[in-house]
Amino acid sequence: MDRSLICTSAKERDPFGEMKIFAGSASQGLARSICRHLGVSLAKSETKVFSEGNIFVRVLENVRGRDVYIVQGTEQPVNDNLMELLFWIDAFKRASATQVTAVIPFFSYAKGDKKDEPRVSIRARVIADALEAVGADRVLTMDLHSPQIQGFFKIPVDHLYAGPVLTAYFRKLRLPDLVVAAPDVGFAKPAQRYADLMGCNLVIGNKTRPDHEERAEILDIIGEVEGKNVLIVDDFTISGGTLIEMAHACKARGAKDVYACVSHGVFSKGSAEKIRNSPIKTLVLTDTIGNWPEPLAPNCRRVSVSRLFAEAILSIHQRESVSRLFDTEVEPELVEECADDEPTPARSPR
């Protein structure tokens, strides 16, 4: 039996009727992989971008009385992808879908989780309100930058973690004398999960960052890295700056090889060159994002979290618990590496 299939047919274990999984423009590849694991076909849909920039979506299958899952990340172009997601949810509700789950692999605006200055917007709350306003019944996402965002929603939010998949990749390498490194105190608790899964100690960087700047500076490292292989972990990276600064700090303190992993490789223009020329031997990210302004650096690797999302979707669909997926150890042989490292073509008017 093909171990990549969670079930040979979704109908065999599905007492609630056929599920429908749709893909938005941002998450076509991930959605296809999810469907492959579930043994179902990706539902048919149509997306157009008109010459003035307006987005048009159309559902090409009957969804009346169905449970619908729309897979659409909110990476670059952030606002286009977000608006498309809202249009999809509205289209499904108007087509009489019973339940619509927004599967958002990467939840943008997650940094905007609080009013920490006068006269600023709590952007993540605005996104939560918008998703509820158009009719989303549930949200499934991964590694929110601020987990408290779940509290902005009145609807259920299922929050997955990429840690079990990312650590399985590195367990396969059998790196000796390994320590896991959190780039700052704020990520120490999630990083401890990685350390527990790897069976090693945790060290923590003391990071400072000017207000609203992406550039970071590592002032010190709490813990011993001399003579160690170091695995830096974080939830996402944009320029690669924090990871690179932490890698330099580790090497300056006598670390052997430095590796890194992130759930979401957002990446801005120019980040590939910085990562390629950095002390990071290998940077591993997941396939929550597949749209970048340039090809990835040659020392980047991608692993798929599609199986994890597929298991979560099946659990939601069958009214079962999703929490069993949070810290379940993934067997290294089940880790799927993604071959493609080319950026997804940008939207073009039609």
Protein backbone atom coordinates (compact mmCIF):
# COMPACT_ATOMS: atom_id res chain seq x y z
CA MET A 1 0.00 0.00 0.00
CA ASP A 2 1.22 3.51 -0.81
CA ARG A 3 2.18 5.02 2.54
CA SER A 4 1.72 8.51 1.12
CA LEU A 5 -2.05 7.91 1.10
CA ILE A 6 -3.76 8.62 4.41
CA CYS A 7 -6.69 6.54 3.22
CA THR A 8 -7.13 4.69 -0.06
CA SER A 9 -10.35 6.58 -0.64
CA ALA A 10 -11.79 9.43 1.41
CA LYS A 11 -15.24 7.90 0.93
CA GLU A 12 -14.17 4.72 2.75
CA ARG A 13 -13.86 6.63 6.02
CA ASP A 14 -16.20 9.52 5.30
CA PRO A 15 -19.68 9.23 6.87
CA PHE A 16 -20.44 12.90 6.24
CA GLY A 17 -20.51 13.04 2.45
CA GLU A 18 -17.89 13.99 -0.09
CA MET A 19 -15.50 16.78 0.81
CA LYS A 20 -14.49 19.39 -1.74
CA ILE A 21 -10.98 20.83 -1.72
CA PHE A 22 -10.31 23.95 -3.78
CA ALA A 23 -7.05 25.80 -4.43
CA GLY A 24 -6.56 29.54 -4.58
CA SER A 25 -3.90 31.12 -6.78
CA ALA A 26 -1.31 31.22 -4.00
CA SER A 27 -1.43 27.56 -2.96
CA GLN A 28 -1.97 25.43 -6.06
CA GLY A 29 0.98 23.11 -5.46
CA LEU A 30 0.27 22.53 -1.78
CA ALA A 31 -3.42 21.91 -2.46
CA ARG A 32 -2.60 19.29 -5.11
CA SER A 33 -0.29 17.52 -2.67
CA ILE A 34 -2.99 17.56 0.02
CA CYS A 35 -5.45 15.98 -2.40
CA ARG A 36 -2.88 13.34 -3.38
CA HIS A 37 -2.52 12.28 0.25
CA LEU A 38 -6.29 12.12 0.70
CA GLY A 39 -6.93 10.25 -2.53
CA VAL A 40 -9.36 12.89 -3.83
CA SER A 41 -9.34 15.14 -6.88
CA LEU A 42 -8.76 18.87 -6.61
CA ALA A 43 -12.10 20.57 -7.25
CA LYS A 44 -12.45 22.72 -10.36
CA SER A 45 -12.44 26.49 -10.14
CA GLU A 46 -11.52 29.58 -12.12
CA THR A 47 -9.58 32.71 -11.17
CA LYS A 48 -9.06 35.74 -13.37
CA VAL A 49 -7.30 39.06 -12.87
CA PHE A 50 -8.67 41.77 -15.15
CA SER A 51 -6.57 44.53 -16.69
CA GLU A 52 -7.59 47.04 -14.01
CA GLY A 53 -6.45 44.63 -11.28
CA ASN A 54 -9.85 43.32 -10.19
CA ILE A 55 -9.94 39.66 -9.14
CA PHE A 56 -12.71 37.34 -10.31
CA VAL A 57 -13.34 33.83 -8.93
CA ARG A 58 -15.84 31.18 -10.02
CA VAL A 59 -16.71 27.79 -8.53
CA LEU A 60 -17.01 25.23 -11.35
CA GLU A 61 -18.49 22.36 -9.30
CA ASN A 62 -21.64 21.88 -7.26
CA VAL A 63 -20.91 22.55 -3.58
CA ARG A 64 -24.48 22.62 -2.25
CA GLY A 65 -24.56 20.79 1.07
CA ARG A 66 -20.83 20.04 0.92
CA ASP A 67 -18.00 20.71 3.33
CA VAL A 68 -15.59 22.93 1.41
CA TYR A 69 -11.89 23.52 2.13
CA ILE A 70 -10.25 26.41 0.30
CA VAL A 71 -6.44 26.33 0.41
CA GLN A 72 -5.11 29.86 -0.05
CA GLY A 73 -2.07 31.41 1.61
CA THR A 74 -1.69 35.14 2.11
CA GLU A 75 1.93 35.59 1.04
CA GLN A 76 3.13 38.04 -1.63
CA PRO A 77 1.20 39.72 -3.17
CA VAL A 78 -0.39 39.81 0.27
CA ASN A 79 -3.44 41.96 -0.32
CA ASP A 80 -4.34 40.34 -3.66
CA ASN A 81 -4.16 36.88 -2.09
CA LEU A 82 -6.17 37.98 0.92
CA MET A 83 -8.92 39.52 -1.20
CA GLU A 84 -9.04 36.40 -3.37
CA LEU A 85 -9.52 34.27 -0.26
CA LEU A 86 -12.41 36.46 0.88
CA PHE A 87 -14.03 36.23 -2.56
CA TRP A 88 -13.72 32.43 -2.52
CA ILE A 89 -15.38 32.12 0.88
CA ASP A 90 -18.20 34.40 -0.22
CA ALA A 91 -18.67 32.41 -3.45
CA PHE A 92 -18.91 29.10 -1.57
CA LYS A 93 -21.42 30.43 0.95
CA ARG A 94 -23.57 31.90 -1.82
CA ALA A 95 -23.41 28.50 -3.56
CA SER A 96 -24.92 26.91 -0.42
CA ALA A 97 -21.88 25.07 0.92
CA THR A 98 -22.66 23.65 4.37
CA GLN A 99 -19.33 24.57 5.91
CA VAL A 100 -16.37 26.52 4.54
CA THR A 101 -12.94 26.05 6.09
CA ALA A 102 -10.28 28.58 5.16
CA VAL A 103 -6.99 26.65 4.98
CA ILE A 104 -4.40 29.43 5.29
CA PRO A 105 -0.92 27.87 5.26
CA PHE A 106 0.75 31.24 5.89
CA PHE A 107 -1.27 33.86 7.76
CA SER A 108 0.06 37.30 6.86
CA TYR A 109 -0.33 40.37 9.08
CA ALA A 110 0.28 38.08 12.07
CA LYS A 111 2.77 40.60 13.48
CA GLY A 112 -0.07 43.09 13.84
CA ASP A 113 -1.49 41.41 16.94
CA LYS A 114 -1.59 44.31 19.40
CA LYS A 115 -1.88 48.07 19.75
CA ASP A 116 1.64 48.75 21.01
CA GLU A 117 1.70 52.37 19.85
CA PRO A 118 -0.88 55.17 19.76
CA ARG A 119 -3.16 55.37 16.71
CA VAL A 120 -2.19 52.07 15.03
CA SER A 121 -4.40 49.32 13.66
CA ILE A 122 -4.55 45.81 15.10
CA ARG A 123 -4.21 44.33 11.63
CA ALA A 124 -4.57 40.66 12.54
CA ARG A 125 -7.90 41.44 14.23
CA VAL A 126 -9.09 43.19 11.06
CA ILE A 127 -8.25 40.06 9.02
CA ALA A 128 -10.08 37.84 11.52
CA ASP A 129 -13.16 40.07 11.36
CA ALA A 130 -13.09 40.05 7.55
CA LEU A 131 -12.88 36.25 7.33
CA GLU A 132 -15.84 35.90 9.68
CA ALA A 133 -17.83 38.61 7.90
CA VAL A 134 -17.73 36.80 4.54
CA GLY A 135 -18.82 33.53 6.13
CA ALA A 136 -15.81 31.38 7.05
CA ASP A 137 -16.89 28.66 9.48
CA ARG A 138 -13.40 27.54 10.51
CA VAL A 139 -9.74 28.41 9.93
CA LEU A 140 -6.88 25.94 9.59
CA THR A 141 -3.42 27.49 9.64
CA MET A 142 0.19 26.77 10.59
CA ASP A 143 2.68 28.40 12.95
CA LEU A 144 1.09 31.77 13.54
CA HIS A 145 3.71 34.36 14.44
CA SER A 146 1.48 35.32 17.37
CA PRO A 147 -0.61 32.34 18.57
CA GLN A 148 -2.91 34.67 20.52
CA ILE A 149 -4.41 35.67 17.16
CA GLN A 150 -6.63 32.60 17.57
CA GLY A 151 -8.46 34.60 20.24
CA PHE A 152 -9.42 37.26 17.69
CA PHE A 153 -11.80 34.77 16.06
CA LYS A 154 -15.25 33.72 17.24
CA ILE A 155 -15.07 30.70 14.91
CA PRO A 156 -12.81 27.67 15.60
CA VAL A 157 -9.15 27.99 14.61
CA ASP A 158 -6.99 24.87 14.26
CA HIS A 159 -3.31 25.75 14.59
CA LEU A 160 -0.77 23.26 13.20
CA TYR A 161 2.98 23.15 13.84
CA ALA A 162 5.67 22.38 11.27
CA GLY A 163 8.17 21.36 13.94
CA PRO A 164 7.57 17.59 13.70
CA VAL A 165 8.23 17.64 9.94
CA LEU A 166 11.25 19.96 10.10
CA THR A 167 12.91 18.05 12.94
CA ALA A 168 12.33 14.75 11.12
CA TYR A 169 14.48 16.09 8.26
CA PHE A 170 17.34 16.84 10.63
CA ARG A 171 16.96 13.61 12.61
CA LYS A 172 17.62 11.86 9.31
CA LEU A 173 21.01 13.64 9.12
CA ARG A 174 22.04 12.27 12.56
CA LEU A 175 24.07 15.38 13.42
CA PRO A 176 26.36 14.82 16.43
CA ASP A 177 26.74 17.30 19.31
CA LEU A 178 23.63 19.20 18.28
CA VAL A 179 21.95 22.10 20.06
CA VAL A 180 18.78 23.92 19.00
CA ALA A 181 18.98 27.72 19.00
CA ALA A 182 16.15 30.21 19.39
CA PRO A 183 17.07 33.59 17.85
CA ASP A 184 15.38 35.46 20.71
CA VAL A 185 13.59 34.96 24.02
CA GLY A 186 10.20 35.39 22.33
CA PHE A 187 10.69 32.17 20.36
CA ALA A 188 12.18 30.20 23.28
CA LYS A 189 9.00 28.26 24.08
CA PRO A 190 8.36 27.05 20.50
CA ALA A 191 12.09 26.32 20.13
CA GLN A 192 11.95 24.09 23.21
CA ARG A 193 9.48 21.90 21.28
CA TYR A 194 12.10 21.49 18.56
CA ALA A 195 14.77 20.67 21.14
CA ASP A 196 12.50 18.06 22.74
CA LEU A 197 11.80 16.45 19.37
CA MET A 198 15.53 16.42 18.57
CA GLY A 199 16.48 15.22 22.05
CA CYS A 200 19.03 18.00 22.63
CA ASN A 201 19.59 21.20 24.61
CA LEU A 202 18.33 24.69 23.80
CA VAL A 203 20.34 27.92 23.54
CA ILE A 204 18.77 31.36 23.18
CA GLY A 205 19.91 34.49 21.38
CA ASN A 206 19.55 37.95 22.88
CA LYS A 207 18.25 39.93 19.92
CA THR A 208 17.56 43.61 19.46
CA ARG A 209 15.76 45.24 16.54
CA PRO A 210 14.98 48.92 15.78
CA ASP A 211 11.26 49.68 15.69
CA HIS A 212 9.58 48.15 12.61
CA GLU A 213 12.96 47.35 11.02
CA GLU A 214 13.72 43.91 9.56
CA ARG A 215 17.42 44.16 10.48
CA ALA A 216 18.30 42.36 13.72
CA GLU A 217 21.38 42.28 15.93
CA ILE A 218 22.34 39.38 18.21
CA LEU A 219 23.92 40.81 21.37
CA ASP A 220 24.67 37.55 23.17
CA ILE A 221 23.84 33.84 23.28
CA ILE A 222 22.54 32.19 26.44
CA GLY A 223 24.00 28.68 26.46
CA GLU A 224 27.04 26.88 25.10
CA VAL A 225 27.62 26.51 21.35
CA GLU A 226 31.39 25.98 21.22
CA GLY A 227 32.20 22.73 19.43
CA LYS A 228 28.51 22.12 18.69
CA ASN A 229 26.44 21.75 15.57
CA VAL A 230 23.71 24.38 15.85
CA LEU A 231 20.16 24.26 14.47
CA ILE A 232 18.55 27.72 14.48
CA VAL A 233 14.75 27.57 14.44
CA ASP A 234 12.19 30.30 13.75
CA ASP A 235 8.63 30.60 12.50
CA PHE A 236 9.42 32.64 9.38
CA THR A 237 12.09 34.68 7.64
CA ILE A 238 11.82 37.58 5.21
CA SER A 239 15.31 38.86 4.49
CA GLY A 240 17.10 36.08 6.35
CA GLY A 241 18.69 38.74 8.56
CA THR A 242 17.86 37.26 11.97
CA LEU A 243 18.99 33.77 10.96
CA ILE A 244 22.21 35.08 9.42
CA GLU A 245 23.06 37.27 12.42
CA MET A 246 22.44 34.33 14.75
CA ALA A 247 24.61 32.10 12.55
CA HIS A 248 27.47 34.62 12.66
CA ALA A 249 27.12 34.89 16.45
CA CYS A 250 27.27 31.09 16.81
CA LYS A 251 30.33 30.77 14.56
CA ALA A 252 32.07 33.59 16.46
CA ARG A 253 31.58 31.56 19.64
CA GLY A 254 33.13 28.40 18.21
CA ALA A 255 30.18 26.52 16.74
CA LYS A 256 30.95 23.85 14.13
CA ASP A 257 28.30 23.79 11.40
CA VAL A 258 25.21 25.99 11.57
CA TYR A 259 21.87 24.88 10.14
CA ALA A 260 18.51 26.63 10.21
CA CYS A 261 14.85 25.85 9.63
CA VAL A 262 11.72 27.97 9.38
CA SER A 263 8.07 27.15 8.84
CA HIS A 264 7.51 29.95 6.33
CA GLY A 265 10.09 31.18 3.83
CA VAL A 266 8.56 34.55 2.93
CA PHE A 267 11.77 35.95 1.36
CA SER A 268 12.22 39.43 -0.05
CA LYS A 269 14.25 40.37 -3.11
CA GLY A 270 17.96 40.00 -2.38
CA SER A 271 17.51 37.47 0.42
CA ALA A 272 18.78 34.56 -1.71
CA GLU A 273 22.22 36.13 -2.15
CA LYS A 274 22.47 36.91 1.57
CA ILE A 275 21.58 33.34 2.52
CA ARG A 276 23.92 31.86 -0.08
CA ASN A 277 26.85 33.87 1.31
CA SER A 278 25.97 33.27 4.97
CA PRO A 279 27.48 30.75 7.43
CA ILE A 280 24.25 28.72 7.24
CA LYS A 281 25.13 25.33 5.76
CA THR A 282 21.51 24.36 5.05
CA LEU A 283 18.28 26.30 5.52
CA VAL A 284 15.17 24.11 5.49
CA LEU A 285 11.69 25.55 4.99
CA THR A 286 8.27 24.12 4.24
CA ASP A 287 5.98 24.46 1.24
CA THR A 288 3.45 26.74 2.95
CA ILE A 289 4.73 29.39 0.53
CA GLY A 290 5.66 28.85 -3.10
CA ASN A 291 5.80 32.39 -4.45
CA TRP A 292 9.05 34.39 -4.21
CA PRO A 293 10.58 37.29 -6.15
CA GLU A 294 13.62 35.16 -7.12
CA PRO A 295 14.85 31.53 -7.02
CA LEU A 296 15.91 30.18 -3.65
CA ALA A 297 19.54 30.09 -2.56
CA PRO A 298 21.34 26.80 -3.36
CA ASN A 299 21.72 26.01 0.35
CA CYS A 300 17.92 26.07 0.83
CA ARG A 301 15.83 22.91 0.99
CA ARG A 302 12.05 22.56 1.10
CA VAL A 303 10.02 19.86 2.84
CA SER A 304 6.30 19.36 2.44
CA VAL A 305 3.71 19.78 5.18
CA SER A 306 0.95 18.62 2.83
CA ARG A 307 0.51 15.32 4.67
CA LEU A 308 0.04 17.18 7.96
CA PHE A 309 -2.59 19.44 6.41
CA ALA A 310 -4.29 16.43 4.80
CA GLU A 311 -4.51 14.63 8.14
CA ALA A 312 -5.90 17.77 9.78
CA ILE A 313 -8.52 18.24 7.05
CA LEU A 314 -9.61 14.61 7.34
CA SER A 315 -9.84 14.91 11.14
CA ILE A 316 -11.93 18.08 10.87
CA HIS A 317 -14.14 16.52 8.23
CA GLN A 318 -14.77 13.43 10.36
CA ARG A 319 -15.31 15.49 13.52
CA GLU A 320 -12.20 14.06 15.17
CA SER A 321 -9.49 15.69 17.29
CA VAL A 322 -6.73 17.63 15.55
CA SER A 323 -4.56 18.03 18.66
CA ARG A 324 -2.93 14.62 18.16
CA LEU A 325 -1.01 16.19 15.24
CA PHE A 326 0.58 18.96 17.30
CA ASP A 327 3.69 17.23 18.63
CA THR A 328 3.48 13.78 17.06
CA GLU A 329 6.92 12.66 15.94
CA VAL A 330 7.14 12.21 12.17
CA GLU A 331 9.14 9.28 10.84
CA PRO A 332 12.11 10.59 8.80
CA GLU A 333 11.27 8.31 5.86
CA LEU A 334 7.88 10.05 5.51
CA VAL A 335 9.46 13.47 4.99
CA GLU A 336 8.86 14.64 1.42
CA GLU A 337 11.42 16.99 -0.09
CA CYS A 338 10.14 19.46 -2.67
CA ALA A 339 12.12 19.49 -5.89
CA ASP A 340 10.98 22.87 -7.18
CA ASP A 341 12.81 26.00 -6.07
CA GLU A 342 11.66 28.35 -8.80
CA PRO A 343 9.36 31.26 -7.92
CA THR A 344 5.73 30.99 -8.92
CA PRO A 345 4.97 33.27 -11.89
CA ALA A 346 3.53 36.60 -10.82
CA ARG A 347 -0.11 37.40 -11.47
CA SER A 348 -0.78 38.77 -14.93
CA PRO A 349 -3.92 40.56 -16.16
CA ARG A 350 -6.22 38.61 -18.46
